């Protein structure tokens, strides 16, 4: 109850903030996108990880206003980058599965785009496989309506749920994100490497890109490159940082003052 009260006050006091983790193309070695990650700057406890409060936010319904704020903030930041960088940069935002039950997701996304003026073609919505399990036709229609205005979609933590093969082809998805549990052992475990190889083949067969999460070592990166992954993100290529630092890194990569991966 105390934490719930603090979460409500955090919304009112604007204690939430976004940090950004770069997504890097293995074809060019350059930054091709950035994922928005939520942080809570608690007055007494400092930075609080989402792992400590998102479950409670889901249970209390606070996930809706928190996500609404995060989506609006991400689109506003994306617009700022779009104005300063030719072509802009793709931004990824996670949407909770519960939002697809409690809210009109299409309205939520289109409102954020309309208010910010951000280009829908640069917005990537990350969803988990859980979203695809229920009300398949209704969910497909919702995603397709957003796809028609330019928004793209990624399935996060792919390979850990139950819908992988049965549902992936039914939705307008552009990227499959390989769960970091597989990536952690890709260089040392043939089974995990085989799983990632299968996901990459599936993605390419369906006209999608494969993105590997949680890349931390050069050995993992080399293995993912051999397996044909299209993009990577993780501590090796960039830790989550505030927008100003993310912009500086992108500028350095664009001008060539930062080495390719």
Protein backbone atom coordinates (compact mmCIF):
# COMPACT_ATOMS: atom_id res chain seq x y z
CA UNK A 1 0.00 0.00 0.00
CA UNK A 2 2.88 2.35 0.78
CA UNK A 3 4.52 1.65 -2.58
CA UNK A 4 1.24 2.20 -4.41
CA UNK A 5 0.89 5.58 -2.73
CA UNK A 6 4.45 6.48 -3.69
CA UNK A 7 3.77 5.49 -7.30
CA UNK A 8 0.75 7.75 -7.44
CA UNK A 9 2.77 10.63 -6.02
CA UNK A 10 5.59 9.87 -8.48
CA UNK A 11 3.18 10.42 -11.36
CA UNK A 12 1.96 13.70 -9.89
CA UNK A 13 5.50 14.90 -9.14
CA UNK A 14 6.95 13.78 -12.50
CA UNK A 15 9.52 11.52 -10.90
CA UNK A 16 9.64 9.14 -13.86
CA UNK A 17 12.23 9.51 -16.60
CA UNK A 18 13.36 7.71 -19.72
CA UNK A 19 16.80 6.40 -20.55
CA UNK A 20 17.77 5.17 -23.99
CA UNK A 21 19.64 2.08 -25.15
CA UNK A 22 20.97 2.10 -28.72
CA UNK A 23 20.09 -0.59 -31.23
CA UNK A 24 22.90 -1.24 -33.70
CA UNK A 25 22.75 -2.62 -37.22
CA UNK A 26 25.13 -5.53 -37.81
CA UNK A 27 25.14 -4.68 -41.51
CA UNK A 28 26.45 -1.13 -41.08
CA UNK A 29 27.77 -1.15 -37.50
CA UNK A 30 25.82 2.06 -36.88
CA UNK A 31 23.02 3.02 -34.53
CA UNK A 32 19.68 2.35 -36.20
CA UNK A 33 17.33 2.89 -33.27
CA UNK A 34 16.97 3.44 -29.54
CA UNK A 35 14.75 1.73 -26.98
CA UNK A 36 13.10 3.87 -24.30
CA UNK A 37 13.50 2.35 -20.83
CA UNK A 38 11.61 3.61 -17.79
CA UNK A 39 13.29 4.69 -14.55
CA UNK A 40 11.84 6.10 -11.33
CA UNK A 41 13.92 8.75 -9.60
CA UNK A 42 12.69 8.25 -6.03
CA UNK A 43 13.27 11.15 -3.64
CA UNK A 44 14.74 8.92 -0.92
CA UNK A 45 15.81 5.72 -2.69
CA UNK A 46 17.37 7.21 -5.81
CA UNK A 47 16.92 5.40 -9.13
CA UNK A 48 14.40 2.56 -8.83
CA UNK A 49 14.43 -0.21 -11.44
CA UNK A 50 11.16 -1.09 -13.20
CA UNK A 51 11.57 -4.63 -11.86
CA UNK A 52 10.71 -3.25 -8.44
CA UNK A 53 7.47 -1.49 -9.35
CA UNK A 54 6.02 -2.50 -12.71
CA UNK A 55 4.25 -5.59 -11.38
CA UNK A 56 2.49 -3.48 -8.75
CA UNK A 57 1.66 -0.90 -11.41
CA UNK A 58 0.04 -3.69 -13.44
CA UNK A 59 -1.98 -4.93 -10.46
CA UNK A 60 -3.25 -1.49 -9.46
CA UNK A 61 -3.99 -0.17 -12.95
CA UNK A 62 -1.31 2.51 -12.65
CA UNK A 63 0.45 0.99 -15.65
CA UNK A 64 -1.98 2.88 -17.93
CA UNK A 65 -1.10 6.45 -16.87
CA UNK A 66 2.59 5.53 -16.52
CA UNK A 67 2.67 4.14 -20.05
CA UNK A 68 0.71 7.10 -21.38
CA UNK A 69 3.35 9.41 -19.92
CA UNK A 70 6.23 7.27 -21.21
CA UNK A 71 4.81 7.07 -24.73
CA UNK A 72 4.22 10.83 -24.88
CA UNK A 73 7.71 11.57 -23.52
CA UNK A 74 9.31 9.14 -25.98
CA UNK A 75 7.50 10.66 -28.96
CA UNK A 76 8.47 14.16 -27.87
CA UNK A 77 12.11 13.12 -27.61
CA UNK A 78 11.87 11.37 -30.96
CA UNK A 79 10.59 14.59 -32.53
CA UNK A 80 13.52 16.54 -31.04
CA UNK A 81 15.95 14.05 -32.59
CA UNK A 82 14.05 14.11 -35.87
CA UNK A 83 14.51 17.89 -36.09
CA UNK A 84 18.24 17.71 -35.38
CA UNK A 85 19.20 14.57 -37.28
CA UNK A 86 18.38 14.01 -40.97
CA UNK A 87 15.91 11.17 -41.24
CA UNK A 88 15.43 11.00 -37.46
CA UNK A 89 15.97 7.84 -35.45
CA UNK A 90 13.65 4.92 -34.81
CA UNK A 91 12.48 4.76 -31.21
CA UNK A 92 11.07 1.69 -29.48
CA UNK A 93 8.55 1.80 -26.65
CA UNK A 94 7.22 -1.17 -24.67
CA UNK A 95 3.46 -1.56 -24.21
CA UNK A 96 2.17 -3.71 -21.36
CA UNK A 97 -0.13 -6.63 -22.30
CA UNK A 98 -2.72 -5.36 -19.81
CA UNK A 99 -3.14 -2.17 -21.84
CA UNK A 100 -4.57 -4.18 -24.71
CA UNK A 101 -7.36 -5.24 -22.36
CA UNK A 102 -8.00 -2.03 -20.43
CA UNK A 103 -7.35 0.66 -23.03
CA UNK A 104 -7.90 1.50 -26.67
CA UNK A 105 -4.28 1.07 -27.73
CA UNK A 106 -4.85 2.60 -31.14
CA UNK A 107 -6.20 5.77 -29.53
CA UNK A 108 -3.36 5.80 -27.00
CA UNK A 109 -0.71 5.65 -29.72
CA UNK A 110 -2.37 8.00 -32.21
CA UNK A 111 -2.96 10.61 -29.49
CA UNK A 112 0.72 10.55 -28.51
CA UNK A 113 1.73 10.92 -32.15
CA UNK A 114 -0.75 13.73 -32.79
CA UNK A 115 0.22 15.75 -29.72
CA UNK A 116 3.97 15.37 -30.31
CA UNK A 117 4.01 15.61 -34.10
CA UNK A 118 6.38 12.63 -34.25
CA UNK A 119 6.61 10.63 -37.47
CA UNK A 120 4.69 7.32 -37.05
CA UNK A 121 7.19 5.63 -39.38
CA UNK A 122 9.89 6.12 -36.72
CA UNK A 123 7.85 4.62 -33.86
CA UNK A 124 8.36 0.95 -33.01
CA UNK A 125 5.99 -0.62 -30.46
CA UNK A 126 7.41 -3.58 -28.56
CA UNK A 127 4.93 -6.20 -27.40
CA UNK A 128 5.38 -9.58 -25.74
CA UNK A 129 4.07 -12.88 -27.00
CA UNK A 130 1.39 -12.74 -24.29
CA UNK A 131 -0.37 -10.03 -26.28
CA UNK A 132 -0.79 -12.42 -29.20
CA UNK A 133 -2.40 -15.24 -27.22
CA UNK A 134 -5.87 -13.81 -26.63
CA UNK A 135 -8.46 -12.40 -29.02
CA UNK A 136 -6.23 -13.01 -32.02
CA UNK A 137 -8.50 -11.43 -34.63
CA UNK A 138 -9.18 -8.33 -32.51
CA UNK A 139 -5.48 -7.92 -31.70
CA UNK A 140 -4.48 -8.36 -35.33
CA UNK A 141 -6.98 -5.67 -36.35
CA UNK A 142 -5.63 -3.24 -33.73
CA UNK A 143 -2.03 -3.74 -34.82
CA UNK A 144 -2.93 -3.59 -38.51
CA UNK A 145 -4.74 -0.26 -38.04
CA UNK A 146 -1.58 1.20 -36.50
CA UNK A 147 0.61 -0.41 -39.13
CA UNK A 148 -1.43 1.36 -41.81
CA UNK A 149 -0.37 4.77 -40.44
CA UNK A 150 3.27 3.71 -40.40
CA UNK A 151 3.90 2.37 -36.88
CA UNK A 152 6.06 -0.77 -36.74
CA UNK A 153 6.02 -3.62 -34.21
CA UNK A 154 8.55 -5.90 -32.52
CA UNK A 155 7.83 -9.05 -30.52
CA UNK A 156 9.95 -8.79 -27.38
CA UNK A 157 11.58 -11.78 -25.63
CA UNK A 158 10.74 -13.97 -28.60
CA UNK A 159 11.09 -17.71 -28.08
CA UNK A 160 10.12 -17.76 -24.39
CA UNK A 161 6.33 -17.90 -24.86
CA UNK A 162 3.90 -20.27 -26.48
CA UNK A 163 2.75 -18.35 -29.52
CA UNK A 164 5.99 -18.24 -31.47
CA UNK A 165 5.23 -20.21 -34.63
CA UNK A 166 1.44 -20.27 -34.46
CA UNK A 167 0.90 -16.52 -34.24
CA UNK A 168 3.96 -14.66 -35.52
CA UNK A 169 2.83 -14.91 -39.13
CA UNK A 170 -0.67 -13.60 -38.34
CA UNK A 171 0.40 -10.15 -37.16
CA UNK A 172 1.97 -7.15 -38.93
CA UNK A 173 5.29 -7.49 -37.09
CA UNK A 174 8.61 -6.20 -38.44
CA UNK A 175 11.08 -7.53 -35.84
CA UNK A 176 11.58 -10.54 -33.60
CA UNK A 177 13.71 -9.77 -30.53
CA UNK A 178 15.70 -12.78 -29.33
CA UNK A 179 15.51 -13.13 -25.57
CA UNK A 180 18.76 -12.42 -23.74
CA UNK A 181 18.58 -15.80 -21.99
CA UNK A 182 19.55 -17.40 -25.32
CA UNK A 183 22.06 -14.67 -26.18
CA UNK A 184 23.95 -15.15 -22.90
CA UNK A 185 25.12 -18.62 -23.98
CA UNK A 186 25.15 -18.25 -27.76
CA UNK A 187 28.96 -18.44 -27.95
CA UNK A 188 29.30 -21.47 -25.68
CA UNK A 189 26.12 -23.54 -26.00
CA UNK A 190 25.30 -25.20 -29.31
CA UNK A 191 21.65 -25.64 -28.32
CA UNK A 192 21.13 -21.94 -27.65
CA UNK A 193 22.98 -21.06 -30.84
CA UNK A 194 20.65 -23.44 -32.72
CA UNK A 195 17.59 -21.78 -31.17
CA UNK A 196 18.80 -18.34 -32.21
CA UNK A 197 19.62 -19.62 -35.69
CA UNK A 198 16.08 -20.99 -35.97
CA UNK A 199 14.58 -17.66 -34.82
CA UNK A 200 16.70 -15.77 -37.35
CA UNK A 201 15.59 -18.12 -40.13
CA UNK A 202 11.96 -17.78 -39.06
CA UNK A 203 12.20 -13.99 -38.99
CA UNK A 204 13.82 -13.78 -42.40
CA UNK A 205 11.38 -16.30 -43.84
CA UNK A 206 8.50 -14.09 -42.69
CA UNK A 207 10.14 -10.91 -44.01
CA UNK A 208 11.17 -9.67 -40.55
CA UNK A 209 14.45 -8.65 -38.92
CA UNK A 210 15.99 -10.51 -35.98
CA UNK A 211 17.23 -8.38 -33.07
CA UNK A 212 19.35 -9.84 -30.26
CA UNK A 213 19.01 -8.38 -26.75
CA UNK A 214 21.46 -8.42 -23.87
CA UNK A 215 24.68 -8.58 -25.90
CA UNK A 216 27.58 -8.13 -23.47
CA UNK A 217 30.68 -9.71 -25.01
CA UNK A 218 32.58 -9.64 -28.28
CA UNK A 219 32.21 -13.44 -28.48
CA UNK A 220 28.43 -13.16 -28.34
CA UNK A 221 28.50 -10.45 -30.99
CA UNK A 222 30.64 -12.55 -33.33
CA UNK A 223 28.34 -15.56 -32.88
CA UNK A 224 25.24 -13.48 -33.59
CA UNK A 225 26.83 -12.05 -36.69
CA UNK A 226 27.59 -15.58 -37.94
CA UNK A 227 23.99 -16.60 -37.26
CA UNK A 228 22.69 -13.74 -39.39
CA UNK A 229 21.13 -11.44 -36.78
CA UNK A 230 20.23 -8.05 -38.19
CA UNK A 231 20.49 -5.86 -35.09
CA UNK A 232 21.83 -6.06 -31.55
CA UNK A 233 21.50 -4.16 -28.31
CA UNK A 234 23.13 -4.59 -24.93
CA UNK A 235 25.92 -3.31 -22.70
CA UNK A 236 28.56 -4.12 -25.33
CA UNK A 237 27.12 -1.65 -27.82
CA UNK A 238 25.70 0.83 -25.33
CA UNK A 239 24.25 1.04 -21.83
CA UNK A 240 20.96 2.86 -21.24
CA UNK A 241 21.72 6.58 -20.91
CA UNK A 242 19.80 9.88 -20.73
CA UNK A 243 18.69 11.45 -24.00
CA UNK A 244 21.55 13.97 -24.13
CA UNK A 245 24.18 11.20 -23.91
CA UNK A 246 22.31 9.04 -26.43
CA UNK A 247 22.25 11.95 -28.87
CA UNK A 248 25.97 12.56 -28.42
CA UNK A 249 26.71 8.90 -29.12
CA UNK A 250 24.51 8.91 -32.23
CA UNK A 251 26.20 12.07 -33.48
CA UNK A 252 29.64 10.53 -32.97
CA UNK A 253 28.59 7.42 -34.86
CA UNK A 254 27.12 9.48 -37.69
CA UNK A 255 30.28 11.54 -38.15
CA UNK A 256 32.51 8.50 -37.97
CA UNK A 257 34.35 9.61 -34.81
CA UNK A 258 33.13 6.46 -33.10
CA UNK A 259 34.39 3.09 -34.29
CA UNK A 260 32.03 0.61 -35.91
CA UNK A 261 31.28 -2.55 -33.99
